[in-house]
């Protein structure tokens, strides 16, 4: 079972820049199987109770790692995700203004994880049809839970600064970049070298006799310092 990854907790307030204050109320994780990639893609949606006593949603995509804030909106047109197709061009009237939009993605997600409370009657294994509609400066998300519930949300993608402004912190989980992994590896190797160089050890000396051209004989010591922790990785 795939669990949520965003840095939010149910019942714990998110306090951003005034007047932003919200409360995570429920979280659902969707999965969708792609037969072409033979991969299941996951995304999660958090229902938040906002400072205006209106509910909105925060989506975190496990693949793209994007965080999108969705607010409920009303449009004049009837948008049914099961009747839309990718690349389809439409006119959508939002707040009295018509917008030329294009359908970017359609599909059906299956609920794989469910926690908290929701304003909808959601069930494990339930299928939800969706459509992502792209416009100039914003995106729309249409979700159809059943024949009774058909919602339209206006979305805004939030970068790290936007997440901190709305929620008081970055809610996308942090990831190790290549630079960070290399830095951590260098740190570990450096600590290991320092510990080895400063560790106590024993000094083994082997006598070596040297005969000069005039026949004079001298004895020297050929000394090697060995760690007391092992045989130096020789497999013995």
C-alpha atoms as a PDB file:
ATOM      1  CA  UNK A   1       0.000   0.000   0.000  1.00  0.00           C
ATOM      2  CA  UNK A   2       1.387   3.390  -1.043  1.00  0.00           C
ATOM      3  CA  UNK A   3       1.251   5.995   1.694  1.00  0.00           C
ATOM      4  CA  UNK A   4       1.324   9.810   1.474  1.00  0.00           C
ATOM      5  CA  UNK A   5       4.729  11.433   1.085  1.00  0.00           C
ATOM      6  CA  UNK A   6       3.979  15.143   1.527  1.00  0.00           C
ATOM      7  CA  UNK A   7       5.186  16.773   4.744  1.00  0.00           C
ATOM      8  CA  UNK A   8       1.750  17.299   6.266  1.00  0.00           C
ATOM      9  CA  UNK A   9      -0.084  15.670   9.138  1.00  0.00           C
ATOM     10  CA  UNK A  10      -3.784  15.234   9.661  1.00  0.00           C
ATOM     11  CA  UNK A  11      -5.083  17.497  12.416  1.00  0.00           C
ATOM     12  CA  UNK A  12      -1.954  19.688  12.524  1.00  0.00           C
ATOM     13  CA  UNK A  13      -2.434  23.284  11.389  1.00  0.00           C
ATOM     14  CA  UNK A  14      -0.344  24.741   8.593  1.00  0.00           C
ATOM     15  CA  UNK A  15       0.341  28.404   9.318  1.00  0.00           C
ATOM     16  CA  UNK A  16       1.718  30.447   6.454  1.00  0.00           C
ATOM     17  CA  UNK A  17       1.866  34.139   5.673  1.00  0.00           C
ATOM     18  CA  UNK A  18      -1.340  35.862   6.945  1.00  0.00           C
ATOM     19  CA  UNK A  19      -4.113  35.218   6.285  1.00  0.00           C
ATOM     20  CA  UNK A  20      -3.086  31.681   5.293  1.00  0.00           C
ATOM     21  CA  UNK A  21      -3.984  29.107   7.914  1.00  0.00           C
ATOM     22  CA  UNK A  22      -5.271  25.649   7.047  1.00  0.00           C
ATOM     23  CA  UNK A  23      -5.950  22.273   8.611  1.00  0.00           C
ATOM     24  CA  UNK A  24      -5.311  18.952   6.824  1.00  0.00           C
ATOM     25  CA  UNK A  25      -8.617  17.122   7.100  1.00  0.00           C
ATOM     26  CA  UNK A  26      -8.150  14.043   4.923  1.00  0.00           C
ATOM     27  CA  UNK A  27      -5.710  12.518   2.472  1.00  0.00           C
ATOM     28  CA  UNK A  28      -6.235  10.124  -0.411  1.00  0.00           C
ATOM     29  CA  UNK A  29      -3.604   8.440  -2.599  1.00  0.00           C
ATOM     30  CA  UNK A  30      -4.515   7.524  -6.164  1.00  0.00           C
ATOM     31  CA  UNK A  31      -2.788   5.041  -8.432  1.00  0.00           C
ATOM     32  CA  UNK A  32      -3.120   4.676 -12.181  1.00  0.00           C
ATOM     33  CA  UNK A  33      -1.644   1.850 -14.250  1.00  0.00           C
ATOM     34  CA  UNK A  34      -0.021   2.873 -17.537  1.00  0.00           C
ATOM     35  CA  UNK A  35       0.008  -0.141 -19.899  1.00  0.00           C
ATOM     36  CA  UNK A  36       2.536   1.512 -22.226  1.00  0.00           C
ATOM     37  CA  UNK A  37       5.107   2.171 -19.484  1.00  0.00           C
ATOM     38  CA  UNK A  38       3.957  -0.859 -17.484  1.00  0.00           C
ATOM     39  CA  UNK A  39       4.172   1.400 -14.438  1.00  0.00           C
ATOM     40  CA  UNK A  40       1.693   2.522 -11.799  1.00  0.00           C
ATOM     41  CA  UNK A  41       1.826   6.279 -11.231  1.00  0.00           C
ATOM     42  CA  UNK A  42       0.746   7.694  -7.880  1.00  0.00           C
ATOM     43  CA  UNK A  43      -0.391  11.072  -6.652  1.00  0.00           C
ATOM     44  CA  UNK A  44      -1.942  12.209  -3.398  1.00  0.00           C
ATOM     45  CA  UNK A  45      -4.579  14.811  -2.597  1.00  0.00           C
ATOM     46  CA  UNK A  46      -5.016  16.472   0.780  1.00  0.00           C
ATOM     47  CA  UNK A  47      -8.308  18.115   1.651  1.00  0.00           C
ATOM     48  CA  UNK A  48      -7.612  21.216   3.737  1.00  0.00           C
ATOM     49  CA  UNK A  49     -10.028  23.359   5.685  1.00  0.00           C
ATOM     50  CA  UNK A  50      -9.063  26.938   4.908  1.00  0.00           C
ATOM     51  CA  UNK A  51      -9.144  30.231   6.706  1.00  0.00           C
ATOM     52  CA  UNK A  52     -12.307  31.195   4.809  1.00  0.00           C
ATOM     53  CA  UNK A  53     -14.033  28.020   5.991  1.00  0.00           C
ATOM     54  CA  UNK A  54     -13.859  26.701   2.441  1.00  0.00           C
ATOM     55  CA  UNK A  55     -12.232  23.451   1.513  1.00  0.00           C
ATOM     56  CA  UNK A  56      -9.422  23.294  -0.984  1.00  0.00           C
ATOM     57  CA  UNK A  57      -7.019  20.593  -2.048  1.00  0.00           C
ATOM     58  CA  UNK A  58      -3.268  20.187  -2.244  1.00  0.00           C
ATOM     59  CA  UNK A  59      -1.960  17.665  -4.729  1.00  0.00           C
ATOM     60  CA  UNK A  60       1.501  16.142  -4.603  1.00  0.00           C
ATOM     61  CA  UNK A  61       2.538  14.120  -7.648  1.00  0.00           C
ATOM     62  CA  UNK A  62       4.909  11.302  -6.715  1.00  0.00           C
ATOM     63  CA  UNK A  63       6.400  11.234 -10.234  1.00  0.00           C
ATOM     64  CA  UNK A  64       6.778  14.916 -11.167  1.00  0.00           C
ATOM     65  CA  UNK A  65       7.156  15.995  -7.504  1.00  0.00           C
ATOM     66  CA  UNK A  66       4.971  19.029  -8.196  1.00  0.00           C
ATOM     67  CA  UNK A  67       2.782  20.601  -5.494  1.00  0.00           C
ATOM     68  CA  UNK A  68      -0.446  22.144  -6.786  1.00  0.00           C
ATOM     69  CA  UNK A  69      -2.986  24.137  -4.787  1.00  0.00           C
ATOM     70  CA  UNK A  70      -6.575  23.668  -6.012  1.00  0.00           C
ATOM     71  CA  UNK A  71      -9.519  25.933  -5.174  1.00  0.00           C
ATOM     72  CA  UNK A  72     -13.118  25.061  -6.095  1.00  0.00           C
ATOM     73  CA  UNK A  73     -14.525  27.159  -8.963  1.00  0.00           C
ATOM     74  CA  UNK A  74     -17.664  27.257 -11.050  1.00  0.00           C
ATOM     75  CA  UNK A  75     -17.704  27.232 -14.826  1.00  0.00           C
ATOM     76  CA  UNK A  76     -20.664  27.750 -17.154  1.00  0.00           C
ATOM     77  CA  UNK A  77     -19.913  24.704 -19.256  1.00  0.00           C
ATOM     78  CA  UNK A  78     -20.618  21.107 -18.294  1.00  0.00           C
ATOM     79  CA  UNK A  79     -17.260  19.351 -18.196  1.00  0.00           C
ATOM     80  CA  UNK A  80     -17.360  15.568 -17.918  1.00  0.00           C
ATOM     81  CA  UNK A  81     -13.881  13.971 -17.800  1.00  0.00           C
ATOM     82  CA  UNK A  82     -15.240  10.720 -19.221  1.00  0.00           C
ATOM     83  CA  UNK A  83     -16.298  12.604 -22.369  1.00  0.00           C
ATOM     84  CA  UNK A  84     -13.074  14.570 -22.903  1.00  0.00           C
ATOM     85  CA  UNK A  85     -10.004  13.510 -24.864  1.00  0.00           C
ATOM     86  CA  UNK A  86      -6.387  14.616 -24.778  1.00  0.00           C
ATOM     87  CA  UNK A  87      -5.586  17.542 -27.061  1.00  0.00           C
ATOM     88  CA  UNK A  88      -9.226  18.635 -27.300  1.00  0.00           C
ATOM     89  CA  UNK A  89      -9.674  22.425 -27.450  1.00  0.00           C
ATOM     90  CA  UNK A  90     -12.507  24.030 -25.516  1.00  0.00           C
ATOM     91  CA  UNK A  91     -13.879  27.357 -24.405  1.00  0.00           C
ATOM     92  CA  UNK A  92     -14.432  27.574 -20.658  1.00  0.00           C
ATOM     93  CA  UNK A  93     -16.169  30.517 -19.013  1.00  0.00           C
ATOM     94  CA  UNK A  94     -14.638  31.281 -15.643  1.00  0.00           C
ATOM     95  CA  UNK A  95     -16.049  34.173 -13.568  1.00  0.00           C
ATOM     96  CA  UNK A  96     -17.799  35.526 -16.603  1.00  0.00           C
ATOM     97  CA  UNK A  97     -14.686  35.506 -18.796  1.00  0.00           C
ATOM     98  CA  UNK A  98     -14.256  32.966 -21.627  1.00  0.00           C
ATOM     99  CA  UNK A  99     -10.893  31.202 -21.845  1.00  0.00           C
ATOM    100  CA  UNK A 100      -9.462  29.074 -24.622  1.00  0.00           C
ATOM    101  CA  UNK A 101      -8.204  25.859 -23.031  1.00  0.00           C
ATOM    102  CA  UNK A 102      -6.841  22.507 -24.101  1.00  0.00           C
ATOM    103  CA  UNK A 103      -7.283  19.122 -22.456  1.00  0.00           C
ATOM    104  CA  UNK A 104      -3.849  17.992 -21.359  1.00  0.00           C
ATOM    105  CA  UNK A 105      -4.536  14.649 -19.704  1.00  0.00           C
ATOM    106  CA  UNK A 106      -7.476  12.361 -18.971  1.00  0.00           C
ATOM    107  CA  UNK A 107      -7.592   9.140 -17.040  1.00  0.00           C
ATOM    108  CA  UNK A 108      -9.022   7.153 -14.160  1.00  0.00           C
ATOM    109  CA  UNK A 109      -7.340   6.888 -10.776  1.00  0.00           C
ATOM    110  CA  UNK A 110      -8.013   4.211  -8.197  1.00  0.00           C
ATOM    111  CA  UNK A 111      -7.963   4.996  -4.486  1.00  0.00           C
ATOM    112  CA  UNK A 112      -5.075   3.059  -2.910  1.00  0.00           C
ATOM    113  CA  UNK A 113      -4.875   4.803   0.481  1.00  0.00           C
ATOM    114  CA  UNK A 114      -7.425   6.725   2.521  1.00  0.00           C
ATOM    115  CA  UNK A 115      -7.138   8.492   5.881  1.00  0.00           C
ATOM    116  CA  UNK A 116      -9.009  11.210   7.746  1.00  0.00           C
ATOM    117  CA  UNK A 117     -12.387  12.686   6.886  1.00  0.00           C
ATOM    118  CA  UNK A 118     -13.754  14.117   3.652  1.00  0.00           C
ATOM    119  CA  UNK A 119     -16.682  16.096   2.359  1.00  0.00           C
ATOM    120  CA  UNK A 120     -17.240  13.221  -0.085  1.00  0.00           C
ATOM    121  CA  UNK A 121     -18.072   9.579   0.488  1.00  0.00           C
ATOM    122  CA  UNK A 122     -14.804   7.985  -0.625  1.00  0.00           C
ATOM    123  CA  UNK A 123     -14.011   4.290  -0.451  1.00  0.00           C
ATOM    124  CA  UNK A 124     -10.879   2.178  -0.881  1.00  0.00           C
ATOM    125  CA  UNK A 125     -10.663   0.849  -4.429  1.00  0.00           C
ATOM    126  CA  UNK A 126     -13.040   3.480  -5.765  1.00  0.00           C
ATOM    127  CA  UNK A 127     -12.303   4.756  -9.263  1.00  0.00           C
ATOM    128  CA  UNK A 128     -12.313   8.483  -9.975  1.00  0.00           C
ATOM    129  CA  UNK A 129     -12.262   9.885 -13.519  1.00  0.00           C
ATOM    130  CA  UNK A 130     -10.260  13.061 -14.028  1.00  0.00           C
ATOM    131  CA  UNK A 131      -9.194  15.563 -16.663  1.00  0.00           C
ATOM    132  CA  UNK A 132      -6.422  18.151 -16.477  1.00  0.00           C
ATOM    133  CA  UNK A 133      -7.230  21.227 -18.543  1.00  0.00           C
ATOM    134  CA  UNK A 134      -4.514  23.762 -19.375  1.00  0.00           C
ATOM    135  CA  UNK A 135      -5.061  27.483 -19.913  1.00  0.00           C
ATOM    136  CA  UNK A 136      -2.913  30.595 -20.049  1.00  0.00           C
ATOM    137  CA  UNK A 137      -1.730  31.196 -16.486  1.00  0.00           C
ATOM    138  CA  UNK A 138      -3.710  28.476 -14.709  1.00  0.00           C
ATOM    139  CA  UNK A 139      -4.899  24.880 -14.858  1.00  0.00           C
ATOM    140  CA  UNK A 140      -8.263  23.300 -14.202  1.00  0.00           C
ATOM    141  CA  UNK A 141      -8.877  19.886 -12.717  1.00  0.00           C
ATOM    142  CA  UNK A 142     -12.190  18.122 -13.265  1.00  0.00           C
ATOM    143  CA  UNK A 143     -12.989  15.098 -11.110  1.00  0.00           C
ATOM    144  CA  UNK A 144     -15.977  12.802 -11.371  1.00  0.00           C
ATOM    145  CA  UNK A 145     -16.488  10.619  -8.312  1.00  0.00           C
ATOM    146  CA  UNK A 146     -19.852   9.248  -9.387  1.00  0.00           C
ATOM    147  CA  UNK A 147     -22.959  10.393 -11.243  1.00  0.00           C
ATOM    148  CA  UNK A 148     -23.729  12.880  -8.470  1.00  0.00           C
ATOM    149  CA  UNK A 149     -20.357  14.472  -7.774  1.00  0.00           C
ATOM    150  CA  UNK A 150     -18.580  16.388 -10.548  1.00  0.00           C
ATOM    151  CA  UNK A 151     -16.171  19.072  -9.331  1.00  0.00           C
ATOM    152  CA  UNK A 152     -14.003  21.667 -11.053  1.00  0.00           C
ATOM    153  CA  UNK A 153     -10.942  23.157  -9.346  1.00  0.00           C
ATOM    154  CA  UNK A 154      -8.566  25.896 -10.408  1.00  0.00           C
ATOM    155  CA  UNK A 155      -4.960  24.997  -9.697  1.00  0.00           C
ATOM    156  CA  UNK A 156      -1.738  26.878  -9.085  1.00  0.00           C
ATOM    157  CA  UNK A 157       1.616  25.095  -9.025  1.00  0.00           C
ATOM    158  CA  UNK A 158       3.592  26.114  -5.925  1.00  0.00           C
ATOM    159  CA  UNK A 159       7.372  26.276  -5.866  1.00  0.00           C
ATOM    160  CA  UNK A 160       9.298  26.107  -2.578  1.00  0.00           C
ATOM    161  CA  UNK A 161       8.669  29.797  -1.842  1.00  0.00           C
ATOM    162  CA  UNK A 162       4.962  29.429  -2.592  1.00  0.00           C
ATOM    163  CA  UNK A 163       4.684  26.420  -0.312  1.00  0.00           C
ATOM    164  CA  UNK A 164       6.320  28.311   2.549  1.00  0.00           C
ATOM    165  CA  UNK A 165       3.995  31.283   1.994  1.00  0.00           C
ATOM    166  CA  UNK A 166       0.835  29.157   2.074  1.00  0.00           C
ATOM    167  CA  UNK A 167       1.803  26.484   4.591  1.00  0.00           C
ATOM    168  CA  UNK A 168       4.728  27.900   6.555  1.00  0.00           C
ATOM    169  CA  UNK A 169       7.113  25.268   5.211  1.00  0.00           C
ATOM    170  CA  UNK A 170       8.023  23.260   2.167  1.00  0.00           C
ATOM    171  CA  UNK A 171       5.548  20.387   2.030  1.00  0.00           C
ATOM    172  CA  UNK A 172       7.213  18.500  -0.836  1.00  0.00           C
ATOM    173  CA  UNK A 173       9.541  15.845   0.589  1.00  0.00           C
ATOM    174  CA  UNK A 174      13.208  16.579   0.191  1.00  0.00           C
ATOM    175  CA  UNK A 175      15.274  14.436  -2.128  1.00  0.00           C
ATOM    176  CA  UNK A 176      18.992  13.715  -2.327  1.00  0.00           C
ATOM    177  CA  UNK A 177      20.463  15.392  -5.379  1.00  0.00           C
ATOM    178  CA  UNK A 178      23.545  14.036  -7.125  1.00  0.00           C
ATOM    179  CA  UNK A 179      25.592  16.837  -5.618  1.00  0.00           C
ATOM    180  CA  UNK A 180      24.288  16.031  -2.160  1.00  0.00           C
ATOM    181  CA  UNK A 181      25.001  12.317  -2.503  1.00  0.00           C
ATOM    182  CA  UNK A 182      28.555  12.983  -3.676  1.00  0.00           C
ATOM    183  CA  UNK A 183      29.082  15.403  -0.792  1.00  0.00           C
ATOM    184  CA  UNK A 184      27.823  12.854   1.722  1.00  0.00           C
ATOM    185  CA  UNK A 185      30.063  10.172   0.233  1.00  0.00           C
ATOM    186  CA  UNK A 186      33.079  12.474   0.431  1.00  0.00           C
ATOM    187  CA  UNK A 187      32.250  13.255   4.047  1.00  0.00           C
ATOM    188  CA  UNK A 188      32.013   9.559   4.959  1.00  0.00           C
ATOM    189  CA  UNK A 189      35.274   8.727   3.222  1.00  0.00           C
ATOM    190  CA  UNK A 190      36.989  11.701   4.862  1.00  0.00           C
ATOM    191  CA  UNK A 191      35.847  10.681   8.317  1.00  0.00           C
ATOM    192  CA  UNK A 192      36.998   7.125   7.660  1.00  0.00           C
ATOM    193  CA  UNK A 193      40.445   8.270   6.525  1.00  0.00           C
ATOM    194  CA  UNK A 194      40.819  10.580   9.514  1.00  0.00           C
ATOM    195  CA  UNK A 195      39.802   7.829  11.934  1.00  0.00           C
ATOM    196  CA  UNK A 196      42.221   5.395  10.345  1.00  0.00           C
ATOM    197  CA  UNK A 197      45.113   7.850  10.390  1.00  0.00           C
ATOM    198  CA  UNK A 198      44.539   8.767  14.017  1.00  0.00           C
ATOM    199  CA  UNK A 199      43.814   5.287  15.314  1.00  0.00           C
ATOM    200  CA  UNK A 200      46.263   3.513  17.584  1.00  0.00           C
ATOM    201  CA  UNK A 201      48.480   0.981  15.905  1.00  0.00           C
ATOM    202  CA  UNK A 202      51.612  -1.137  16.259  1.00  0.00           C
ATOM    203  CA  UNK A 203      54.944  -0.573  14.583  1.00  0.00           C
ATOM    204  CA  UNK A 204      56.699  -3.655  13.168  1.00  0.00           C
ATOM    205  CA  UNK A 205      60.406  -3.326  12.383  1.00  0.00           C
ATOM    206  CA  UNK A 206      62.519  -5.693  10.276  1.00  0.00           C
ATOM    207  CA  UNK A 207      66.369  -5.603  10.607  1.00  0.00           C
ATOM    208  CA  UNK A 208      68.206  -4.930   7.314  1.00  0.00           C
ATOM    209  CA  UNK A 209      72.003  -5.379   6.947  1.00  0.00           C
ATOM    210  CA  UNK A 210      73.860  -3.051   4.557  1.00  0.00           C
ATOM    211  CA  UNK A 211      77.492  -3.716   3.412  1.00  0.00           C
ATOM    212  CA  UNK A 212      79.400  -0.663   2.161  1.00  0.00           C
ATOM    213  CA  UNK A 213      82.059  -0.707  -0.605  1.00  0.00           C
ATOM    214  CA  UNK A 214      84.892  -0.611   1.945  1.00  0.00           C
ATOM    215  CA  UNK A 215      83.504  -3.684   3.695  1.00  0.00           C
ATOM    216  CA  UNK A 216      81.870  -1.792   6.554  1.00  0.00           C
ATOM    217  CA  UNK A 217      78.670  -3.467   7.782  1.00  0.00           C
ATOM    218  CA  UNK A 218      75.714  -1.546   9.262  1.00  0.00           C
ATOM    219  CA  UNK A 219      72.281  -2.652  10.403  1.00  0.00           C
ATOM    220  CA  UNK A 220      69.145  -0.587   9.743  1.00  0.00           C
ATOM    221  CA  UNK A 221      65.524  -0.983  10.836  1.00  0.00           C
ATOM    222  CA  UNK A 222      62.773  -1.108   8.127  1.00  0.00           C
ATOM    223  CA  UNK A 223      59.638  -0.193  10.122  1.00  0.00           C
ATOM    224  CA  UNK A 224      55.962  -0.396   9.045  1.00  0.00           C
ATOM    225  CA  UNK A 225      53.026   0.918  11.147  1.00  0.00           C
ATOM    226  CA  UNK A 226      50.050  -1.453  11.223  1.00  0.00           C
ATOM    227  CA  UNK A 227      46.570  -0.813  12.581  1.00  0.00           C
ATOM    228  CA  UNK A 228      45.444  -2.794  15.596  1.00  0.00           C
ATOM    229  CA  UNK A 229      41.963  -3.188  14.031  1.00  0.00           C
ATOM    230  CA  UNK A 230      42.789  -5.813  11.473  1.00  0.00           C
ATOM    231  CA  UNK A 231      45.027  -7.043   8.716  1.00  0.00           C
ATOM    232  CA  UNK A 232      44.532  -4.125   6.341  1.00  0.00           C
ATOM    233  CA  UNK A 233      41.815  -5.697   4.218  1.00  0.00           C
ATOM    234  CA  UNK A 234      43.893  -8.609   2.923  1.00  0.00           C
ATOM    235  CA  UNK A 235      41.106 -11.085   3.603  1.00  0.00           C
ATOM    236  CA  UNK A 236      42.894 -12.907   6.379  1.00  0.00           C
END
